[in-house]
Amino acid sequence: MVDCNEVLREVELYLDGELPADQSRVIAEHLVTCWPCQERAEFRKALQSLVARKCSRDAIPPTLVSRVRFVIEEDTSE
């Protein structure tokens, strides 16, 4: 069985479709049964959508991407 911390570490890659099929399937199954992880995944998906809409005219600055990932990683390590 997969651990919530592991799912939250991989959820960005999952949402971006960047995981191998077997890992993606494991995370998808976990999200179906774990409401807190599902809620976090939905929040991150909404955040990605918002950033994409607001930054669609220009490329997202690499520093912004780094800062957002840092905040997300800090949040999942608590």
N, C-alpha and C. Protein backbone atom coordinates (compact mmCIF):
# COMPACT_ATOMS: atom_id res chain seq x y z
N MET A 1 0.84 -1.19 0.00
CA MET A 1 0.00 0.00 0.00
C MET A 1 0.88 1.24 0.00
N VAL A 2 0.46 2.26 -0.70
CA VAL A 2 1.22 3.49 -0.82
C VAL A 2 0.91 4.42 0.36
N ASP A 3 1.91 5.14 0.77
CA ASP A 3 1.84 6.05 1.90
C ASP A 3 1.41 7.45 1.42
N CYS A 4 0.64 8.17 2.24
CA CYS A 4 0.15 9.50 1.86
C CYS A 4 1.30 10.45 1.54
N ASN A 5 2.37 10.40 2.32
CA ASN A 5 3.51 11.29 2.06
C ASN A 5 4.09 11.02 0.68
N GLU A 6 4.16 9.76 0.30
CA GLU A 6 4.68 9.40 -1.02
C GLU A 6 3.77 9.95 -2.12
N VAL A 7 2.47 9.81 -1.92
CA VAL A 7 1.50 10.32 -2.90
C VAL A 7 1.65 11.83 -3.04
N LEU A 8 1.75 12.53 -1.93
CA LEU A 8 1.84 13.98 -1.99
C LEU A 8 3.16 14.45 -2.61
N ARG A 9 4.21 13.67 -2.47
CA ARG A 9 5.48 14.01 -3.12
C ARG A 9 5.38 13.85 -4.64
N GLU A 10 4.56 12.90 -5.07
CA GLU A 10 4.45 12.58 -6.50
C GLU A 10 3.25 13.22 -7.19
N VAL A 11 2.38 13.88 -6.45
CA VAL A 11 1.12 14.34 -7.02
C VAL A 11 1.31 15.34 -8.15
N GLU A 12 2.32 16.19 -8.08
CA GLU A 12 2.57 17.15 -9.17
C GLU A 12 2.89 16.41 -10.46
N LEU A 13 3.77 15.43 -10.36
CA LEU A 13 4.13 14.64 -11.54
C LEU A 13 2.92 13.87 -12.05
N TYR A 14 2.10 13.36 -11.14
CA TYR A 14 0.88 12.64 -11.50
C TYR A 14 -0.06 13.56 -12.29
N LEU A 15 -0.29 14.75 -11.76
CA LEU A 15 -1.21 15.69 -12.41
C LEU A 15 -0.69 16.13 -13.78
N ASP A 16 0.63 16.18 -13.92
CA ASP A 16 1.22 16.57 -15.20
C ASP A 16 1.36 15.40 -16.17
N GLY A 17 0.96 14.20 -15.73
CA GLY A 17 1.06 13.03 -16.59
C GLY A 17 2.50 12.60 -16.84
N GLU A 18 3.37 12.86 -15.86
CA GLU A 18 4.80 12.59 -16.05
C GLU A 18 5.27 11.33 -15.31
N LEU A 19 4.36 10.56 -14.77
CA LEU A 19 4.74 9.32 -14.07
C LEU A 19 4.55 8.12 -14.98
N PRO A 20 5.32 7.07 -14.74
CA PRO A 20 5.07 5.82 -15.46
C PRO A 20 3.65 5.33 -15.15
N ALA A 21 3.08 4.57 -16.06
CA ALA A 21 1.68 4.12 -15.93
C ALA A 21 1.42 3.39 -14.62
N ASP A 22 2.34 2.53 -14.18
CA ASP A 22 2.10 1.78 -12.95
C ASP A 22 2.07 2.70 -11.73
N GLN A 23 2.97 3.67 -11.66
CA GLN A 23 2.96 4.61 -10.54
C GLN A 23 1.71 5.48 -10.59
N SER A 24 1.34 5.91 -11.77
CA SER A 24 0.15 6.74 -11.94
C SER A 24 -1.09 6.00 -11.47
N ARG A 25 -1.18 4.72 -11.79
CA ARG A 25 -2.33 3.91 -11.39
C ARG A 25 -2.39 3.79 -9.87
N VAL A 26 -1.25 3.58 -9.23
CA VAL A 26 -1.19 3.46 -7.76
C VAL A 26 -1.67 4.76 -7.11
N ILE A 27 -1.21 5.88 -7.62
CA ILE A 27 -1.62 7.16 -7.05
C ILE A 27 -3.10 7.41 -7.30
N ALA A 28 -3.59 7.12 -8.49
CA ALA A 28 -5.01 7.29 -8.79
C ALA A 28 -5.87 6.45 -7.85
N GLU A 29 -5.47 5.22 -7.61
CA GLU A 29 -6.22 4.36 -6.69
C GLU A 29 -6.20 4.91 -5.27
N HIS A 30 -5.07 5.44 -4.86
CA HIS A 30 -4.97 6.03 -3.51
C HIS A 30 -5.88 7.24 -3.40
N LEU A 31 -5.88 8.08 -4.42
CA LEU A 31 -6.70 9.30 -4.37
C LEU A 31 -8.19 8.99 -4.28
N VAL A 32 -8.60 7.87 -4.85
CA VAL A 32 -10.01 7.47 -4.78
C VAL A 32 -10.41 7.13 -3.34
N THR A 33 -9.48 6.58 -2.58
CA THR A 33 -9.81 6.10 -1.24
C THR A 33 -9.36 7.02 -0.11
N CYS A 34 -8.57 8.04 -0.41
CA CYS A 34 -8.02 8.91 0.63
C CYS A 34 -8.48 10.35 0.40
N TRP A 35 -9.47 10.76 1.17
CA TRP A 35 -10.05 12.09 0.98
C TRP A 35 -9.04 13.22 1.19
N PRO A 36 -8.19 13.19 2.23
CA PRO A 36 -7.23 14.29 2.41
C PRO A 36 -6.27 14.43 1.22
N CYS A 37 -5.78 13.33 0.70
CA CYS A 37 -4.88 13.39 -0.46
C CYS A 37 -5.63 13.86 -1.70
N GLN A 38 -6.86 13.40 -1.84
CA GLN A 38 -7.68 13.82 -2.98
C GLN A 38 -7.92 15.33 -2.92
N GLU A 39 -8.18 15.85 -1.73
CA GLU A 39 -8.42 17.28 -1.57
C GLU A 39 -7.17 18.08 -1.95
N ARG A 40 -6.00 17.60 -1.51
CA ARG A 40 -4.74 18.28 -1.86
C ARG A 40 -4.51 18.24 -3.36
N ALA A 41 -4.76 17.09 -3.98
CA ALA A 41 -4.56 16.95 -5.42
C ALA A 41 -5.50 17.89 -6.18
N GLU A 42 -6.73 18.00 -5.74
CA GLU A 42 -7.68 18.90 -6.40
C GLU A 42 -7.24 20.35 -6.24
N PHE A 43 -6.73 20.71 -5.06
CA PHE A 43 -6.24 22.06 -4.84
C PHE A 43 -5.06 22.36 -5.77
N ARG A 44 -4.14 21.43 -5.87
CA ARG A 44 -2.97 21.63 -6.73
C ARG A 44 -3.35 21.72 -8.19
N LYS A 45 -4.34 20.92 -8.58
CA LYS A 45 -4.81 20.97 -9.97
C LYS A 45 -5.45 22.34 -10.25
N ALA A 46 -6.24 22.84 -9.30
CA ALA A 46 -6.86 24.16 -9.45
C ALA A 46 -5.79 25.25 -9.48
N LEU A 47 -4.76 25.11 -8.66
CA LEU A 47 -3.66 26.07 -8.64
C LEU A 47 -2.93 26.07 -9.99
N GLN A 48 -2.65 24.89 -10.52
CA GLN A 48 -2.00 24.80 -11.83
C GLN A 48 -2.84 25.49 -12.90
N SER A 49 -4.13 25.27 -12.85
CA SER A 49 -5.04 25.87 -13.82
C SER A 49 -5.03 27.39 -13.70
N LEU A 50 -5.07 27.89 -12.47
CA LEU A 50 -5.05 29.33 -12.24
C LEU A 50 -3.75 29.95 -12.75
N VAL A 51 -2.63 29.32 -12.42
CA VAL A 51 -1.33 29.83 -12.88
C VAL A 51 -1.27 29.80 -14.41
N ALA A 52 -1.76 28.74 -15.00
CA ALA A 52 -1.75 28.64 -16.47
C ALA A 52 -2.59 29.74 -17.10
N ARG A 53 -3.75 30.03 -16.52
CA ARG A 53 -4.62 31.08 -17.05
C ARG A 53 -3.98 32.45 -16.90
N LYS A 54 -3.43 32.72 -15.74
CA LYS A 54 -2.87 34.04 -15.45
C LYS A 54 -1.53 34.28 -16.15
N CYS A 55 -0.83 33.22 -16.44
CA CYS A 55 0.51 33.37 -17.05
C CYS A 55 0.53 32.87 -18.48
N SER A 56 -0.62 32.75 -19.10
CA SER A 56 -0.67 32.14 -20.42
C SER A 56 -0.04 33.00 -21.51
N ARG A 57 0.07 34.27 -21.32
CA ARG A 57 0.62 35.13 -22.36
C ARG A 57 2.15 35.10 -22.38
N ASP A 58 2.72 34.91 -21.22
CA ASP A 58 4.17 34.90 -21.11
C ASP A 58 4.62 33.56 -20.52
N ALA A 59 5.84 33.21 -20.78
CA ALA A 59 6.40 32.01 -20.16
C ALA A 59 6.50 32.24 -18.66
N ILE A 60 6.27 31.19 -17.91
CA ILE A 60 6.37 31.29 -16.46
C ILE A 60 7.85 31.41 -16.11
N PRO A 61 8.20 32.44 -15.35
CA PRO A 61 9.60 32.60 -14.98
C PRO A 61 10.09 31.39 -14.17
N PRO A 62 11.26 30.88 -14.49
CA PRO A 62 11.80 29.72 -13.77
C PRO A 62 11.88 29.94 -12.26
N THR A 63 12.13 31.18 -11.85
CA THR A 63 12.20 31.46 -10.41
C THR A 63 10.85 31.27 -9.74
N LEU A 64 9.77 31.61 -10.43
CA LEU A 64 8.44 31.41 -9.88
C LEU A 64 8.14 29.92 -9.74
N VAL A 65 8.48 29.16 -10.75
CA VAL A 65 8.27 27.71 -10.70
C VAL A 65 9.03 27.12 -9.52
N SER A 66 10.27 27.54 -9.35
CA SER A 66 11.09 27.03 -8.24
C SER A 66 10.49 27.40 -6.89
N ARG A 67 10.03 28.62 -6.77
CA ARG A 67 9.45 29.06 -5.49
C ARG A 67 8.17 28.31 -5.17
N VAL A 68 7.31 28.11 -6.17
CA VAL A 68 6.06 27.39 -5.95
C VAL A 68 6.36 25.94 -5.56
N ARG A 69 7.27 25.30 -6.26
CA ARG A 69 7.63 23.91 -5.91
C ARG A 69 8.22 23.84 -4.51
N PHE A 70 9.03 24.82 -4.12
CA PHE A 70 9.62 24.83 -2.79
C PHE A 70 8.53 24.91 -1.73
N VAL A 71 7.56 25.80 -1.93
CA VAL A 71 6.46 25.95 -0.96
C VAL A 71 5.65 24.66 -0.88
N ILE A 72 5.39 24.04 -2.00
CA ILE A 72 4.62 22.79 -2.02
C ILE A 72 5.39 21.70 -1.30
N GLU A 73 6.68 21.58 -1.56
CA GLU A 73 7.49 20.56 -0.89
C GLU A 73 7.56 20.80 0.61
N GLU A 74 7.66 22.05 1.02
CA GLU A 74 7.67 22.37 2.44
C GLU A 74 6.34 21.95 3.07
N ASP A 75 5.25 22.20 2.37
CA ASP A 75 3.92 21.88 2.88
C ASP A 75 3.74 20.36 3.05
N THR A 76 4.28 19.58 2.14
CA THR A 76 4.10 18.13 2.22
C THR A 76 5.05 17.49 3.22
N SER A 77 6.10 18.20 3.63
CA SER A 77 7.04 17.61 4.58
C SER A 77 6.59 17.81 6.03
N GLU A 78 5.54 18.58 6.24
CA GLU A 78 5.07 18.83 7.61
C GLU A 78 4.28 17.68 8.15
